[in-house]
Amino acid sequence: MDPKDSPATPEVSQTVRAEKKKKKSLVREYAEAIGIAILLALAIRTFVVQAFTIPSGSMMDTLLVGDYILVNKFIYGAEIPFTGWHLPGLRQPQRGDIVVFKYPLDEKRDFIKRIVAVSGDELVLKENQVLINGSPIPEPYSKPGASGFAPPRYLADRGGEPCLAQAGISREKYPDQFGPVVVPPAYYFVMGDNRDNSQDSRYWGCLKREHIRGKAFIIYWSWNGNDGWLRWRRLGKIIW
């Protein structure tokens, strides 16, 4: 009888089963490792840090078109998906923070602006000078008049919105003269650093606390799409 046609010995059968089991275990280990990595990435993106791209010039020169930034989500308390609830944060948003948030007129879109007034502040904007509680605030980052265009008119009549209702907003009013308004509890007044080229709280009203996703803190990549050059000096720049 040909040896290969002879029935397998118990030792050979055990070896084959062991090899099959080893292969299954190896596949399972890889699958588990990949699954854990995906879950960790999703958890980090949801609760800790998320990447965003700057698509417009509303925050020039602090942030430029083509900047890729990281946003700290746990500092304010990340939103629990599908609930609208937030985890406890390290602190509340403060005046001067640059925040990414859900655009109030279309929550599927993300905007980025700077907080210029917090709950309880009285804000007046006069000839591009921001006054908080009657005193002008230093804003070395702002670019009034930098766009070279006349300030655009208000986008819509939102008289029912608390901040705009106080300011008596109409379609004929220009955003370089605004207020006074007192920011309501759990709201913030945000503006772009490029004042004449920014759709912000002067247009759609105060920002709800629950819409804030997190605080921008670093530029990890920056690409000038016009000439195709990498902006080396901006890589790793801390956002203030």
Protein backbone atom coordinates (compact mmCIF):
# COMPACT_ATOMS: atom_id res chain seq x y z
CA MET A 1 0.00 0.00 0.00
CA ASP A 2 1.23 3.45 -0.90
CA PRO A 3 2.10 5.32 2.34
CA LYS A 4 0.22 8.37 1.19
CA ASP A 5 -2.96 6.32 0.86
CA SER A 6 -2.65 4.94 4.36
CA PRO A 7 -4.95 6.40 7.05
CA ALA A 8 -3.42 9.28 9.01
CA THR A 9 -1.88 8.39 12.31
CA PRO A 10 -3.27 10.06 15.47
CA GLU A 11 -0.06 12.12 15.73
CA VAL A 12 -0.46 13.51 12.18
CA SER A 13 -4.15 14.36 12.73
CA GLN A 14 -3.34 16.21 15.92
CA THR A 15 -0.61 18.18 14.14
CA VAL A 16 -3.00 19.21 11.32
CA ARG A 17 -5.66 20.27 13.81
CA ALA A 18 -3.11 22.25 15.79
CA GLU A 19 -1.91 24.05 12.65
CA LYS A 20 -5.49 24.94 11.63
CA LYS A 21 -6.20 26.15 15.14
CA LYS A 22 -3.02 28.22 15.09
CA LYS A 23 -3.98 29.83 11.77
CA LYS A 24 -7.48 30.65 13.08
CA SER A 25 -5.98 32.10 16.25
CA LEU A 26 -3.58 34.25 14.22
CA VAL A 27 -6.40 35.58 12.03
CA ARG A 28 -8.48 36.24 15.10
CA GLU A 29 -5.62 38.09 16.79
CA TYR A 30 -5.13 40.35 13.77
CA ALA A 31 -8.88 40.99 13.49
CA GLU A 32 -9.11 41.85 17.19
CA ALA A 33 -6.07 44.15 16.96
CA ILE A 34 -7.54 45.98 13.95
CA GLY A 35 -10.93 46.21 15.63
CA ILE A 36 -9.43 47.64 18.82
CA ALA A 37 -7.37 50.14 16.79
CA ILE A 38 -10.49 51.31 14.94
CA LEU A 39 -12.45 51.66 18.18
CA LEU A 40 -9.62 53.62 19.79
CA ALA A 41 -9.36 55.93 16.76
CA LEU A 42 -13.11 56.55 16.85
CA ALA A 43 -13.05 57.17 20.60
CA ILE A 44 -10.13 59.62 20.29
CA ARG A 45 -11.84 61.43 17.43
CA THR A 46 -15.14 61.62 19.30
CA PHE A 47 -13.97 62.49 22.79
CA VAL A 48 -10.37 63.77 22.69
CA VAL A 49 -8.94 65.31 19.51
CA GLN A 50 -10.29 65.85 16.00
CA ALA A 51 -8.67 67.23 12.86
CA PHE A 52 -10.23 70.03 10.81
CA THR A 53 -9.27 72.00 7.69
CA ILE A 54 -9.54 75.77 7.29
CA PRO A 55 -11.55 76.42 4.09
CA SER A 56 -11.93 80.23 4.16
CA GLY A 57 -10.11 83.42 5.10
CA SER A 58 -12.42 84.50 7.93
CA MET A 59 -9.69 83.88 10.56
CA MET A 60 -6.75 85.46 8.71
CA ASP A 61 -3.97 85.96 9.65
CA THR A 62 -4.29 83.68 12.67
CA LEU A 63 -5.45 80.81 10.45
CA LEU A 64 -4.99 80.61 6.69
CA VAL A 65 -6.80 78.71 3.97
CA GLY A 66 -5.06 75.34 3.76
CA ASP A 67 -4.16 75.11 7.45
CA TYR A 68 -4.90 71.73 9.02
CA ILE A 69 -5.60 72.01 12.71
CA LEU A 70 -6.24 69.80 15.73
CA VAL A 71 -9.13 70.59 18.05
CA ASN A 72 -9.16 69.70 21.73
CA LYS A 73 -12.62 68.28 22.47
CA PHE A 74 -12.21 67.12 26.07
CA ILE A 75 -11.21 70.54 27.45
CA TYR A 76 -14.86 71.71 27.36
CA GLY A 77 -16.39 68.23 27.66
CA ALA A 78 -16.99 66.27 24.46
CA GLU A 79 -20.49 65.69 23.18
CA ILE A 80 -21.87 62.18 23.61
CA PRO A 81 -22.95 61.04 20.11
CA PHE A 82 -26.68 61.03 19.31
CA THR A 83 -27.64 62.53 22.69
CA GLY A 84 -26.76 66.24 22.69
CA TRP A 85 -25.24 65.74 26.18
CA HIS A 86 -21.69 66.71 27.07
CA LEU A 87 -19.16 64.99 29.30
CA PRO A 88 -17.69 67.05 32.16
CA GLY A 89 -14.93 69.32 30.86
CA LEU A 90 -11.79 70.84 32.35
CA ARG A 91 -13.18 74.37 31.99
CA GLN A 92 -15.78 76.47 30.21
CA PRO A 93 -15.03 78.35 26.96
CA GLN A 94 -13.36 81.69 27.64
CA ARG A 95 -13.01 85.02 25.89
CA GLY A 96 -10.21 84.76 23.33
CA ASP A 97 -10.60 81.02 22.70
CA ILE A 98 -10.74 79.93 19.05
CA VAL A 99 -13.50 77.35 18.83
CA VAL A 100 -14.92 74.96 16.25
CA PHE A 101 -18.69 74.68 16.41
CA LYS A 102 -21.77 73.51 14.57
CA TYR A 103 -23.03 76.34 12.37
CA PRO A 104 -26.36 77.43 13.90
CA LEU A 105 -28.07 77.82 10.52
CA ASP A 106 -26.90 74.40 9.28
CA GLU A 107 -25.64 72.05 11.99
CA LYS A 108 -24.12 69.68 9.43
CA ARG A 109 -21.44 72.32 8.76
CA ASP A 110 -18.55 73.26 11.06
CA PHE A 111 -17.38 76.86 11.54
CA ILE A 112 -14.39 78.28 13.41
CA LYS A 113 -14.34 81.69 15.14
CA ARG A 114 -12.96 83.45 18.19
CA ILE A 115 -15.01 84.05 21.34
CA VAL A 116 -15.12 87.79 22.03
CA ALA A 117 -17.84 87.85 24.72
CA VAL A 118 -19.17 85.29 27.21
CA SER A 119 -22.42 84.96 29.13
CA GLY A 120 -23.28 88.15 31.01
CA ASP A 121 -20.97 90.41 28.97
CA GLU A 122 -22.37 93.55 27.40
CA LEU A 123 -20.91 93.93 23.91
CA VAL A 124 -20.80 96.95 21.63
CA LEU A 125 -19.05 97.06 18.28
CA LYS A 126 -18.28 100.55 17.03
CA GLU A 127 -16.17 101.17 13.95
CA ASN A 128 -14.58 97.73 14.31
CA GLN A 129 -13.62 98.35 17.95
CA VAL A 130 -15.08 95.81 20.38
CA LEU A 131 -16.13 97.15 23.78
CA ILE A 132 -16.91 94.68 26.56
CA ASN A 133 -18.76 96.06 29.57
CA GLY A 134 -17.89 99.57 28.40
CA SER A 135 -14.15 99.02 27.92
CA PRO A 136 -12.27 98.36 24.66
CA ILE A 137 -10.48 95.02 24.56
CA PRO A 138 -7.03 94.57 22.97
CA GLU A 139 -7.26 92.58 19.76
CA PRO A 140 -3.84 92.38 18.08
CA TYR A 141 -5.08 89.45 16.00
CA SER A 142 -7.98 91.27 14.26
CA LYS A 143 -7.84 92.60 10.69
CA PRO A 144 -10.48 95.31 10.32
CA GLY A 145 -10.77 96.51 6.76
CA ALA A 146 -8.22 93.99 5.52
CA SER A 147 -10.46 92.48 2.88
CA GLY A 148 -10.79 95.71 0.92
CA PHE A 149 -14.54 95.26 0.56
CA ALA A 150 -17.42 97.09 2.21
CA PRO A 151 -18.88 95.07 5.11
CA PRO A 152 -21.68 92.83 3.78
CA ARG A 153 -25.26 93.30 4.90
CA TYR A 154 -26.88 90.93 7.34
CA LEU A 155 -27.73 87.63 5.76
CA ALA A 156 -31.22 87.21 7.18
CA ASP A 157 -33.77 88.69 9.54
CA ARG A 158 -33.46 86.66 12.74
CA GLY A 159 -35.25 89.01 15.09
CA GLY A 160 -36.27 86.13 17.37
CA GLU A 161 -32.65 85.25 18.13
CA PRO A 162 -31.73 86.71 21.57
CA CYS A 163 -28.58 88.67 20.64
CA LEU A 164 -29.90 90.00 17.36
CA ALA A 165 -33.24 90.93 18.89
CA GLN A 166 -31.47 93.09 21.50
CA ALA A 167 -29.42 94.84 18.84
CA GLY A 168 -32.49 95.66 16.76
CA ILE A 169 -31.02 94.02 13.68
CA SER A 170 -32.40 94.79 10.24
CA ARG A 171 -31.22 94.08 6.72
CA GLU A 172 -30.04 97.66 6.34
CA LYS A 173 -27.67 97.69 9.31
CA TYR A 174 -23.94 97.18 8.85
CA PRO A 175 -21.83 94.95 11.11
CA ASP A 176 -19.22 97.62 11.98
CA GLN A 177 -21.89 99.24 14.21
CA PHE A 178 -23.51 96.71 16.53
CA GLY A 179 -25.11 96.57 19.95
CA PRO A 180 -25.30 96.96 22.78
CA VAL A 181 -26.24 93.35 23.52
CA VAL A 182 -25.93 91.35 26.73
CA VAL A 183 -24.91 87.77 25.99
CA PRO A 184 -27.52 85.40 27.51
CA PRO A 185 -26.64 82.50 29.85
CA ALA A 186 -25.12 79.48 28.04
CA TYR A 187 -24.39 81.62 24.95
CA TYR A 188 -21.24 83.14 23.45
CA PHE A 189 -20.59 85.94 20.97
CA VAL A 190 -18.04 84.88 18.34
CA MET A 191 -16.32 86.76 15.52
CA GLY A 192 -13.73 86.05 12.84
CA ASP A 193 -10.33 87.73 13.13
CA ASN A 194 -10.76 88.95 9.53
CA ARG A 195 -13.61 91.26 10.53
CA ASP A 196 -14.76 92.39 7.08
CA ASN A 197 -14.85 88.85 5.71
CA SER A 198 -16.54 86.77 8.37
CA GLN A 199 -20.06 85.41 8.85
CA ASP A 200 -20.33 85.34 12.62
CA SER A 201 -22.52 86.36 15.57
CA ARG A 202 -23.18 89.73 13.93
CA TYR A 203 -25.15 87.85 11.28
CA TRP A 204 -26.72 84.75 12.84
CA GLY A 205 -26.65 85.64 16.54
CA CYS A 206 -25.03 84.28 19.68
CA LEU A 207 -23.59 80.79 19.76
CA LYS A 208 -25.17 78.17 22.02
CA ARG A 209 -22.81 76.38 24.38
CA GLU A 210 -24.09 73.00 23.18
CA HIS A 211 -22.96 73.75 19.62
CA ILE A 212 -19.28 74.12 20.54
CA ARG A 213 -17.19 71.09 19.53
CA GLY A 214 -13.83 72.10 20.97
CA LYS A 215 -10.87 74.48 21.13
CA ALA A 216 -8.36 74.77 18.27
CA PHE A 217 -4.84 74.38 19.65
CA ILE A 218 -2.25 73.50 16.98
CA ILE A 219 -1.56 73.61 13.23
CA TYR A 220 -0.18 70.22 12.23
CA TRP A 221 -0.04 70.82 8.46
CA SER A 222 -0.30 73.83 6.17
CA TRP A 223 -0.49 73.85 2.39
CA ASN A 224 -0.76 76.80 0.04
CA GLY A 225 -3.03 75.54 -2.71
CA ASN A 226 -2.36 78.51 -5.03
CA ASP A 227 1.34 77.84 -5.55
CA GLY A 228 1.55 74.30 -4.19
CA TRP A 229 4.07 75.13 -1.47
CA LEU A 230 4.18 73.65 2.00
CA ARG A 231 4.22 76.36 4.67
CA TRP A 232 7.04 74.93 6.79
CA ARG A 233 7.02 77.74 9.35
CA ARG A 234 3.39 77.05 10.26
CA LEU A 235 3.86 73.36 11.06
CA GLY A 236 3.43 72.74 14.77
CA LYS A 237 2.36 76.33 15.43
CA ILE A 238 0.31 76.77 18.60
CA ILE A 239 -2.99 78.58 17.98
CA TRP A 240 -3.70 81.61 20.19
